[in-house]
Amino acid sequence: APGVPADVRDGQDKALAFLNSLKGKSEADVVQLLGPPAERGTWKF
């Protein structure tokens, strides 16, 4: 997408790196890193 500003693309790269860094972390690790969540819920798997 040539019309998307470079800073938006750079922001996406940083956001993806952050999201990927959370994979594999335990719930306790996440809460220690990010603090208490706004909401705790469940999902079906």
All heavy atoms as atom14 arrays in JSON, in Angstrom:
{
  "sequence": "APGVPADVRDGQDKALAFLNSLKGKSEADVVQLLGPPAERGTWKF",
  "atom14_mask": [
    [1, 1, 1, 1, 1, 0, 0, 0, 0, 0, 0, 0, 0, 0],
    [1, 1, 1, 1, 1, 1, 1, 0, 0, 0, 0, 0, 0, 0],
    [1, 1, 1, 1, 0, 0, 0, 0, 0, 0, 0, 0, 0, 0],
    [1, 1, 1, 1, 1, 1, 1, 0, 0, 0, 0, 0, 0, 0],
    [1, 1, 1, 1, 1, 1, 1, 0, 0, 0, 0, 0, 0, 0],
    [1, 1, 1, 1, 1, 0, 0, 0, 0, 0, 0, 0, 0, 0],
    [1, 1, 1, 1, 1, 1, 1, 1, 0, 0, 0, 0, 0, 0],
    [1, 1, 1, 1, 1, 1, 1, 0, 0, 0, 0, 0, 0, 0],
    [1, 1, 1, 1, 1, 1, 1, 1, 1, 1, 1, 0, 0, 0],
    [1, 1, 1, 1, 1, 1, 1, 1, 0, 0, 0, 0, 0, 0],
    [1, 1, 1, 1, 0, 0, 0, 0, 0, 0, 0, 0, 0, 0],
    [1, 1, 1, 1, 1, 1, 1, 1, 1, 0, 0, 0, 0, 0],
    [1, 1, 1, 1, 1, 1, 1, 1, 0, 0, 0, 0, 0, 0],
    [1, 1, 1, 1, 1, 1, 1, 1, 1, 0, 0, 0, 0, 0],
    [1, 1, 1, 1, 1, 0, 0, 0, 0, 0, 0, 0, 0, 0],
    [1, 1, 1, 1, 1, 1, 1, 1, 0, 0, 0, 0, 0, 0],
    [1, 1, 1, 1, 1, 0, 0, 0, 0, 0, 0, 0, 0, 0],
    [1, 1, 1, 1, 1, 1, 1, 1, 1, 1, 1, 0, 0, 0],
    [1, 1, 1, 1, 1, 1, 1, 1, 0, 0, 0, 0, 0, 0],
    [1, 1, 1, 1, 1, 1, 1, 1, 0, 0, 0, 0, 0, 0],
    [1, 1, 1, 1, 1, 1, 0, 0, 0, 0, 0, 0, 0, 0],
    [1, 1, 1, 1, 1, 1, 1, 1, 0, 0, 0, 0, 0, 0],
    [1, 1, 1, 1, 1, 1, 1, 1, 1, 0, 0, 0, 0, 0],
    [1, 1, 1, 1, 0, 0, 0, 0, 0, 0, 0, 0, 0, 0],
    [1, 1, 1, 1, 1, 1, 1, 1, 1, 0, 0, 0, 0, 0],
    [1, 1, 1, 1, 1, 1, 0, 0, 0, 0, 0, 0, 0, 0],
    [1, 1, 1, 1, 1, 1, 1, 1, 1, 0, 0, 0, 0, 0],
    [1, 1, 1, 1, 1, 0, 0, 0, 0, 0, 0, 0, 0, 0],
    [1, 1, 1, 1, 1, 1, 1, 1, 0, 0, 0, 0, 0, 0],
    [1, 1, 1, 1, 1, 1, 1, 0, 0, 0, 0, 0, 0, 0],
    [1, 1, 1, 1, 1, 1, 1, 0, 0, 0, 0, 0, 0, 0],
    [1, 1, 1, 1, 1, 1, 1, 1, 1, 0, 0, 0, 0, 0],
    [1, 1, 1, 1, 1, 1, 1, 1, 0, 0, 0, 0, 0, 0],
    [1, 1, 1, 1, 1, 1, 1, 1, 0, 0, 0, 0, 0, 0],
    [1, 1, 1, 1, 0, 0, 0, 0, 0, 0, 0, 0, 0, 0],
    [1, 1, 1, 1, 1, 1, 1, 0, 0, 0, 0, 0, 0, 0],
    [1, 1, 1, 1, 1, 1, 1, 0, 0, 0, 0, 0, 0, 0],
    [1, 1, 1, 1, 1, 0, 0, 0, 0, 0, 0, 0, 0, 0],
    [1, 1, 1, 1, 1, 1, 1, 1, 1, 0, 0, 0, 0, 0],
    [1, 1, 1, 1, 1, 1, 1, 1, 1, 1, 1, 0, 0, 0],
    [1, 1, 1, 1, 0, 0, 0, 0, 0, 0, 0, 0, 0, 0],
    [1, 1, 1, 1, 1, 1, 1, 0, 0, 0, 0, 0, 0, 0],
    [1, 1, 1, 1, 1, 1, 1, 1, 1, 1, 1, 1, 1, 1],
    [1, 1, 1, 1, 1, 1, 1, 1, 1, 0, 0, 0, 0, 0],
    [1, 1, 1, 1, 1, 1, 1, 1, 1, 1, 1, 0, 0, 0]
  ],
  "atom14_positions": [
    [[0.84, -1.19, 0.0], [0.0, 0.0, 0.0], [0.88, 1.25, 0.0], [1.36, 1.67, 1.05], [-0.93, -0.01, 1.21], [0.0, 0.0, 0.0], [0.0, 0.0, 0.0], [0.0, 0.0, 0.0], [0.0, 0.0, 0.0], [0.0, 0.0, 0.0], [0.0, 0.0, 0.0], [0.0, 0.0, 0.0], [0.0, 0.0, 0.0], [0.0, 0.0, 0.0]],
    [[1.1, 1.84, -1.17], [2.02, 2.97, -1.26], [1.53, 4.22, -0.53], [2.34, 5.06, -0.15], [2.14, 3.23, -2.76], [0.91, 2.63, -3.35], [0.51, 1.49, -2.46], [0.0, 0.0, 0.0], [0.0, 0.0, 0.0], [0.0, 0.0, 0.0], [0.0, 0.0, 0.0], [0.0, 0.0, 0.0], [0.0, 0.0, 0.0], [0.0, 0.0, 0.0]],
    [[0.23, 4.33, -0.28], [-0.29, 5.53, 0.38], [-0.21, 5.49, 1.9], [-0.51, 6.49, 2.56], [0.0, 0.0, 0.0], [0.0, 0.0, 0.0], [0.0, 0.0, 0.0], [0.0, 0.0, 0.0], [0.0, 0.0, 0.0], [0.0, 0.0, 0.0], [0.0, 0.0, 0.0], [0.0, 0.0, 0.0], [0.0, 0.0, 0.0], [0.0, 0.0, 0.0]],
    [[0.22, 4.36, 2.47], [0.33, 4.26, 3.92], [1.65, 4.89, 4.35], [2.71, 4.5, 3.86], [0.24, 2.78, 4.38], [0.45, 2.68, 5.88], [-1.09, 2.18, 3.98], [0.0, 0.0, 0.0], [0.0, 0.0, 0.0], [0.0, 0.0, 0.0], [0.0, 0.0, 0.0], [0.0, 0.0, 0.0], [0.0, 0.0, 0.0], [0.0, 0.0, 0.0]],
    [[1.6, 5.86, 5.27], [2.83, 6.52, 5.7], [3.82, 5.55, 6.33], [3.43, 4.56, 6.97], [2.34, 7.53, 6.74], [0.89, 7.72, 6.46], [0.41, 6.42, 5.89], [0.0, 0.0, 0.0], [0.0, 0.0, 0.0], [0.0, 0.0, 0.0], [0.0, 0.0, 0.0], [0.0, 0.0, 0.0], [0.0, 0.0, 0.0], [0.0, 0.0, 0.0]],
    [[5.1, 5.84, 6.17], [6.16, 4.98, 6.69], [6.06, 4.82, 8.2], [6.32, 3.73, 8.72], [7.53, 5.54, 6.3], [0.0, 0.0, 0.0], [0.0, 0.0, 0.0], [0.0, 0.0, 0.0], [0.0, 0.0, 0.0], [0.0, 0.0, 0.0], [0.0, 0.0, 0.0], [0.0, 0.0, 0.0], [0.0, 0.0, 0.0], [0.0, 0.0, 0.0]],
    [[5.66, 5.88, 8.93], [5.59, 5.76, 10.39], [4.49, 4.79, 10.82], [4.6, 4.12, 11.85], [5.45, 7.11, 11.08], [4.22, 7.9, 10.65], [3.65, 7.6, 9.58], [3.83, 8.81, 11.39], [0.0, 0.0, 0.0], [0.0, 0.0, 0.0], [0.0, 0.0, 0.0], [0.0, 0.0, 0.0], [0.0, 0.0, 0.0], [0.0, 0.0, 0.0]],
    [[3.44, 4.66, 10.02], [2.38, 3.69, 10.31], [2.92, 2.28, 10.1], [2.7, 1.39, 10.92], [1.13, 3.94, 9.44], [0.11, 2.83, 9.6], [0.51, 5.28, 9.79], [0.0, 0.0, 0.0], [0.0, 0.0, 0.0], [0.0, 0.0, 0.0], [0.0, 0.0, 0.0], [0.0, 0.0, 0.0], [0.0, 0.0, 0.0], [0.0, 0.0, 0.0]],
    [[3.65, 2.08, 9.0], [4.25, 0.76, 8.76], [5.25, 0.42, 9.85], [5.3, -0.71, 10.33], [4.9, 0.71, 7.37], [3.87, 0.71, 6.24], [4.52, 0.41, 4.9], [5.62, 1.31, 4.56], [5.48, 2.46, 3.9], [4.29, 2.85, 3.51], [6.53, 3.21, 3.64], [0.0, 0.0, 0.0], [0.0, 0.0, 0.0], [0.0, 0.0, 0.0]],
    [[6.06, 1.39, 10.28], [7.02, 1.16, 11.35], [6.31, 0.82, 12.65], [6.75, -0.04, 13.41], [7.91, 2.39, 11.57], [8.85, 2.65, 10.4], [9.05, 1.74, 9.57], [9.37, 3.78, 10.31], [0.0, 0.0, 0.0], [0.0, 0.0, 0.0], [0.0, 0.0, 0.0], [0.0, 0.0, 0.0], [0.0, 0.0, 0.0], [0.0, 0.0, 0.0]],
    [[5.2, 1.51, 12.91], [4.41, 1.23, 14.11], [3.88, -0.19, 14.09], [3.86, -0.88, 15.12], [0.0, 0.0, 0.0], [0.0, 0.0, 0.0], [0.0, 0.0, 0.0], [0.0, 0.0, 0.0], [0.0, 0.0, 0.0], [0.0, 0.0, 0.0], [0.0, 0.0, 0.0], [0.0, 0.0, 0.0], [0.0, 0.0, 0.0], [0.0, 0.0, 0.0]],
    [[3.45, -0.65, 12.92], [2.97, -2.03, 12.78], [4.07, -3.02, 13.12], [3.86, -3.99, 13.83], [2.47, -2.29, 11.37], [2.12, -3.76, 11.14], [1.76, -4.05, 9.72], [0.62, -3.89, 9.35], [2.73, -4.48, 8.94], [0.0, 0.0, 0.0], [0.0, 0.0, 0.0], [0.0, 0.0, 0.0], [0.0, 0.0, 0.0], [0.0, 0.0, 0.0]],
    [[5.28, -2.76, 12.61], [6.4, -3.66, 12.89], [6.69, -3.74, 14.38], [6.93, -4.82, 14.92], [7.66, -3.2, 12.14], [7.52, -3.35, 10.63], [6.62, -4.11, 10.17], [8.31, -2.72, 9.9], [0.0, 0.0, 0.0], [0.0, 0.0, 0.0], [0.0, 0.0, 0.0], [0.0, 0.0, 0.0], [0.0, 0.0, 0.0], [0.0, 0.0, 0.0]],
    [[6.65, -2.59, 15.05], [6.9, -2.57, 16.5], [5.78, -3.27, 17.26], [6.04, -4.01, 18.21], [7.07, -1.13, 16.98], [8.36, -0.51, 16.51], [8.48, 0.94, 16.93], [9.75, 1.54, 16.36], [9.86, 2.96, 16.64], [0.0, 0.0, 0.0], [0.0, 0.0, 0.0], [0.0, 0.0, 0.0], [0.0, 0.0, 0.0], [0.0, 0.0, 0.0]],
    [[4.55, -3.05, 16.83], [3.41, -3.7, 17.49], [3.48, -5.22, 17.31], [3.25, -5.97, 18.26], [2.1, -3.15, 16.95], [0.0, 0.0, 0.0], [0.0, 0.0, 0.0], [0.0, 0.0, 0.0], [0.0, 0.0, 0.0], [0.0, 0.0, 0.0], [0.0, 0.0, 0.0], [0.0, 0.0, 0.0], [0.0, 0.0, 0.0], [0.0, 0.0, 0.0]],
    [[3.81, -5.68, 16.11], [3.92, -7.11, 15.87], [5.04, -7.73, 16.7], [4.88, -8.83, 17.24], [4.16, -7.39, 14.38], [2.96, -7.17, 13.47], [3.37, -7.29, 12.0], [1.84, -8.13, 13.8], [0.0, 0.0, 0.0], [0.0, 0.0, 0.0], [0.0, 0.0, 0.0], [0.0, 0.0, 0.0], [0.0, 0.0, 0.0], [0.0, 0.0, 0.0]],
    [[6.16, -7.04, 16.82], [7.26, -7.55, 17.65], [6.82, -7.68, 19.1], [7.12, -8.67, 19.78], [8.48, -6.64, 17.53], [0.0, 0.0, 0.0], [0.0, 0.0, 0.0], [0.0, 0.0, 0.0], [0.0, 0.0, 0.0], [0.0, 0.0, 0.0], [0.0, 0.0, 0.0], [0.0, 0.0, 0.0], [0.0, 0.0, 0.0], [0.0, 0.0, 0.0]],
    [[6.08, -6.68, 19.6], [5.58, -6.73, 20.97], [4.6, -7.89, 21.15], [4.7, -8.66, 22.11], [4.9, -5.4, 21.33], [4.18, -5.44, 22.65], [4.88, -5.53, 23.84], [2.8, -5.42, 22.68], [4.21, -5.58, 25.05], [2.12, -5.47, 23.89], [2.83, -5.55, 25.07], [0.0, 0.0, 0.0], [0.0, 0.0, 0.0], [0.0, 0.0, 0.0]],
    [[3.65, -8.04, 20.22], [2.68, -9.13, 20.32], [3.39, -10.49, 20.3], [3.05, -11.38, 21.09], [1.65, -9.05, 19.19], [0.71, -7.85, 19.22], [-0.17, -7.84, 17.99], [-0.12, -7.84, 20.48], [0.0, 0.0, 0.0], [0.0, 0.0, 0.0], [0.0, 0.0, 0.0], [0.0, 0.0, 0.0], [0.0, 0.0, 0.0], [0.0, 0.0, 0.0]],
    [[4.34, -10.64, 19.42], [5.08, -11.9, 19.34], [5.86, -12.18, 20.62], [6.04, -13.33, 21.0], [6.01, -11.91, 18.14], [5.25, -12.1, 16.84], [4.19, -12.71, 16.8], [5.8, -11.57, 15.76], [0.0, 0.0, 0.0], [0.0, 0.0, 0.0], [0.0, 0.0, 0.0], [0.0, 0.0, 0.0], [0.0, 0.0, 0.0], [0.0, 0.0, 0.0]],
    [[6.32, -11.14, 21.3], [7.09, -11.33, 22.53], [6.22, -11.87, 23.67], [6.74, -12.42, 24.64], [7.75, -10.02, 22.97], [6.8, -9.13, 23.56], [0.0, 0.0, 0.0], [0.0, 0.0, 0.0], [0.0, 0.0, 0.0], [0.0, 0.0, 0.0], [0.0, 0.0, 0.0], [0.0, 0.0, 0.0], [0.0, 0.0, 0.0], [0.0, 0.0, 0.0]],
    [[4.9, -11.74, 23.55], [3.99, -12.23, 24.58], [3.69, -13.72, 24.44], [3.29, -14.36, 25.41], [2.69, -11.43, 24.55], [2.82, -9.94, 24.86], [1.5, -9.23, 24.6], [3.29, -9.72, 26.29], [0.0, 0.0, 0.0], [0.0, 0.0, 0.0], [0.0, 0.0, 0.0], [0.0, 0.0, 0.0], [0.0, 0.0, 0.0], [0.0, 0.0, 0.0]],
    [[3.87, -14.27, 23.26], [3.57, -15.68, 23.01], [4.41, -16.55, 23.94], [5.6, -16.34, 24.12], [3.87, -16.06, 21.56], [2.99, -15.39, 20.56], [1.81, -16.26, 20.19], [0.92, -15.6, 19.18], [1.05, -16.11, 17.86], [0.0, 0.0, 0.0], [0.0, 0.0, 0.0], [0.0, 0.0, 0.0], [0.0, 0.0, 0.0], [0.0, 0.0, 0.0]],
    [[3.75, -17.53, 24.57], [4.43, -18.47, 25.44], [4.56, -18.01, 26.89], [4.95, -18.79, 27.75], [0.0, 0.0, 0.0], [0.0, 0.0, 0.0], [0.0, 0.0, 0.0], [0.0, 0.0, 0.0], [0.0, 0.0, 0.0], [0.0, 0.0, 0.0], [0.0, 0.0, 0.0], [0.0, 0.0, 0.0], [0.0, 0.0, 0.0], [0.0, 0.0, 0.0]],
    [[4.22, -16.75, 27.17], [4.33, -16.25, 28.54], [3.16, -16.79, 29.37], [2.05, -16.97, 28.88], [4.33, -14.74, 28.58], [5.59, -14.12, 27.98], [5.79, -12.72, 28.49], [7.02, -12.07, 27.91], [8.25, -12.76, 28.15], [0.0, 0.0, 0.0], [0.0, 0.0, 0.0], [0.0, 0.0, 0.0], [0.0, 0.0, 0.0], [0.0, 0.0, 0.0]],
    [[3.43, -17.01, 30.65], [2.37, -17.45, 31.57], [1.5, -16.26, 31.95], [1.87, -15.09, 31.75], [2.99, -18.06, 32.82], [3.59, -17.05, 33.61], [0.0, 0.0, 0.0], [0.0, 0.0, 0.0], [0.0, 0.0, 0.0], [0.0, 0.0, 0.0], [0.0, 0.0, 0.0], [0.0, 0.0, 0.0], [0.0, 0.0, 0.0], [0.0, 0.0, 0.0]],
    [[0.35, -16.56, 32.54], [-0.54, -15.49, 33.0], [0.16, -14.62, 34.04], [0.06, -13.39, 34.01], [-1.82, -16.1, 33.57], [-2.91, -15.09, 33.81], [-4.24, -15.73, 34.17], [-4.5, -16.88, 33.79], [-5.04, -15.03, 34.82], [0.0, 0.0, 0.0], [0.0, 0.0, 0.0], [0.0, 0.0, 0.0], [0.0, 0.0, 0.0], [0.0, 0.0, 0.0]],
    [[0.9, -15.25, 34.96], [1.63, -14.49, 35.98], [2.68, -13.59, 35.34], [2.85, -12.43, 35.75], [2.29, -15.44, 36.98], [0.0, 0.0, 0.0], [0.0, 0.0, 0.0], [0.0, 0.0, 0.0], [0.0, 0.0, 0.0], [0.0, 0.0, 0.0], [0.0, 0.0, 0.0], [0.0, 0.0, 0.0], [0.0, 0.0, 0.0], [0.0, 0.0, 0.0]],
    [[3.38, -14.08, 34.31], [4.38, -13.27, 33.6], [3.73, -12.05, 32.96], [4.26, -10.93, 33.02], [5.08, -14.07, 32.5], [6.0, -15.16, 33.02], [6.42, -15.08, 34.19], [6.28, -16.09, 32.24], [0.0, 0.0, 0.0], [0.0, 0.0, 0.0], [0.0, 0.0, 0.0], [0.0, 0.0, 0.0], [0.0, 0.0, 0.0], [0.0, 0.0, 0.0]],
    [[2.57, -12.26, 32.34], [1.86, -11.17, 31.66], [1.42, -10.11, 32.67], [1.62, -8.91, 32.45], [0.64, -11.71, 30.87], [-0.25, -10.57, 30.4], [1.11, -12.55, 29.69], [0.0, 0.0, 0.0], [0.0, 0.0, 0.0], [0.0, 0.0, 0.0], [0.0, 0.0, 0.0], [0.0, 0.0, 0.0], [0.0, 0.0, 0.0], [0.0, 0.0, 0.0]],
    [[0.84, -10.55, 33.78], [0.36, -9.6, 34.79], [1.54, -8.84, 35.4], [1.45, -7.65, 35.66], [-0.48, -10.31, 35.86], [-0.81, -9.39, 37.02], [-1.77, -10.85, 35.24], [0.0, 0.0, 0.0], [0.0, 0.0, 0.0], [0.0, 0.0, 0.0], [0.0, 0.0, 0.0], [0.0, 0.0, 0.0], [0.0, 0.0, 0.0], [0.0, 0.0, 0.0]],
    [[2.67, -9.51, 35.58], [3.86, -8.82, 36.1], [4.36, -7.78, 35.1], [4.75, -6.68, 35.48], [4.97, -9.83, 36.39], [6.21, -9.19, 37.01], [7.26, -10.22, 37.36], [7.25, -11.34, 36.88], [8.2, -9.83, 38.2], [0.0, 0.0, 0.0], [0.0, 0.0, 0.0], [0.0, 0.0, 0.0], [0.0, 0.0, 0.0], [0.0, 0.0, 0.0]],
    [[4.29, -8.11, 33.81], [4.76, -7.21, 32.76], [3.81, -6.05, 32.49], [4.22, -4.9, 32.4], [4.98, -8.0, 31.47], [5.45, -7.24, 30.24], [6.87, -6.72, 30.44], [5.37, -8.13, 29.01], [0.0, 0.0, 0.0], [0.0, 0.0, 0.0], [0.0, 0.0, 0.0], [0.0, 0.0, 0.0], [0.0, 0.0, 0.0], [0.0, 0.0, 0.0]],
    [[2.5, -6.35, 32.4], [1.51, -5.35, 31.97], [0.62, -4.82, 33.08], [-0.12, -3.87, 32.87], [0.62, -5.95, 30.88], [1.32, -6.47, 29.62], [0.3, -7.08, 28.67], [2.1, -5.36, 28.94], [0.0, 0.0, 0.0], [0.0, 0.0, 0.0], [0.0, 0.0, 0.0], [0.0, 0.0, 0.0], [0.0, 0.0, 0.0], [0.0, 0.0, 0.0]],
    [[0.67, -5.46, 34.26], [-0.21, -5.06, 35.35], [-1.52, -5.81, 35.27], [-1.72, -6.67, 34.41], [0.0, 0.0, 0.0], [0.0, 0.0, 0.0], [0.0, 0.0, 0.0], [0.0, 0.0, 0.0], [0.0, 0.0, 0.0], [0.0, 0.0, 0.0], [0.0, 0.0, 0.0], [0.0, 0.0, 0.0], [0.0, 0.0, 0.0], [0.0, 0.0, 0.0]],
    [[-2.45, -5.48, 36.16], [-3.74, -6.17, 36.16], [-4.55, -5.86, 34.9], [-4.54, -4.73, 34.42], [-4.44, -5.66, 37.41], [-3.64, -4.52, 37.92], [-2.33, -4.49, 37.22], [0.0, 0.0, 0.0], [0.0, 0.0, 0.0], [0.0, 0.0, 0.0], [0.0, 0.0, 0.0], [0.0, 0.0, 0.0], [0.0, 0.0, 0.0], [0.0, 0.0, 0.0]],
    [[-5.24, -6.86, 34.36], [-6.03, -6.63, 33.15], [-7.3, -5.85, 33.45], [-7.79, -5.83, 34.58], [-6.37, -8.05, 32.68], [-6.38, -8.85, 33.93], [-5.32, -8.25, 34.82], [0.0, 0.0, 0.0], [0.0, 0.0, 0.0], [0.0, 0.0, 0.0], [0.0, 0.0, 0.0], [0.0, 0.0, 0.0], [0.0, 0.0, 0.0], [0.0, 0.0, 0.0]],
    [[-7.85, -5.22, 32.42], [-9.14, -4.53, 32.54], [-10.26, -5.55, 32.71], [-11.27, -5.26, 33.34], [-9.39, -3.67, 31.32], [0.0, 0.0, 0.0], [0.0, 0.0, 0.0], [0.0, 0.0, 0.0], [0.0, 0.0, 0.0], [0.0, 0.0, 0.0], [0.0, 0.0, 0.0], [0.0, 0.0, 0.0], [0.0, 0.0, 0.0], [0.0, 0.0, 0.0]],
    [[-10.06, -6.74, 32.15], [-11.09, -7.77, 32.23], [-10.45, -9.15, 32.15], [-9.53, -9.38, 31.37], [-12.06, -7.6, 31.06], [-13.18, -8.61, 31.02], [-14.09, -8.38, 29.82], [-14.58, -7.25, 29.68], [-14.26, -9.33, 29.03], [0.0, 0.0, 0.0], [0.0, 0.0, 0.0], [0.0, 0.0, 0.0], [0.0, 0.0, 0.0], [0.0, 0.0, 0.0]],
    [[-10.95, -10.06, 33.0], [-10.57, -11.47, 32.92], [-11.78, -12.23, 32.41], [-12.89, -12.02, 32.88], [-10.19, -12.02, 34.3], [-8.87, -11.51, 34.81], [-8.58, -12.1, 36.19], [-7.37, -11.53, 36.74], [-6.17, -12.08, 36.62], [-6.03, -13.21, 35.97], [-5.12, -11.48, 37.14], [0.0, 0.0, 0.0], [0.0, 0.0, 0.0], [0.0, 0.0, 0.0]],
    [[-11.56, -13.08, 31.44], [-12.65, -13.86, 30.89], [-12.15, -15.22, 30.45], [-11.06, -15.66, 30.83], [0.0, 0.0, 0.0], [0.0, 0.0, 0.0], [0.0, 0.0, 0.0], [0.0, 0.0, 0.0], [0.0, 0.0, 0.0], [0.0, 0.0, 0.0], [0.0, 0.0, 0.0], [0.0, 0.0, 0.0], [0.0, 0.0, 0.0], [0.0, 0.0, 0.0]],
    [[-12.96, -15.88, 29.63], [-12.58, -17.17, 29.09], [-12.92, -17.23, 27.61], [-13.69, -16.42, 27.1], [-13.31, -18.33, 29.81], [-14.7, -18.16, 29.66], [-12.94, -18.38, 31.28], [0.0, 0.0, 0.0], [0.0, 0.0, 0.0], [0.0, 0.0, 0.0], [0.0, 0.0, 0.0], [0.0, 0.0, 0.0], [0.0, 0.0, 0.0], [0.0, 0.0, 0.0]],
    [[-12.33, -18.2, 26.95], [-12.65, -18.52, 25.58], [-12.69, -20.04, 25.47], [-12.08, -20.74, 26.27], [-11.66, -17.89, 24.6], [-10.27, -18.45, 24.65], [-9.38, -18.36, 25.69], [-9.6, -19.18, 23.63], [-8.21, -18.98, 25.37], [-8.31, -19.51, 24.1], [-9.97, -19.6, 22.37], [-7.4, -20.23, 23.34], [-9.04, -20.31, 21.61], [-7.78, -20.62, 22.1]],
    [[-13.47, -20.54, 24.54], [-13.62, -21.99, 24.38], [-12.57, -22.54, 23.42], [-12.36, -22.01, 22.33], [-15.0, -22.33, 23.81], [-16.12, -22.19, 24.78], [-16.31, -23.48, 25.53], [-17.62, -23.4, 26.3], [-17.59, -24.13, 27.53], [0.0, 0.0, 0.0], [0.0, 0.0, 0.0], [0.0, 0.0, 0.0], [0.0, 0.0, 0.0], [0.0, 0.0, 0.0]],
    [[-11.9, -23.6, 23.87], [-10.97, -24.32, 23.0], [-11.07, -25.79, 23.37], [-10.94, -26.14, 24.55], [-9.54, -23.81, 23.17], [-8.56, -24.45, 22.24], [-8.61, -24.18, 20.88], [-7.61, -25.33, 22.71], [-7.72, -24.78, 20.0], [-6.7, -25.93, 21.84], [-6.76, -25.66, 20.48], [0.0, 0.0, 0.0], [0.0, 0.0, 0.0], [0.0, 0.0, 0.0]]
  ]
}
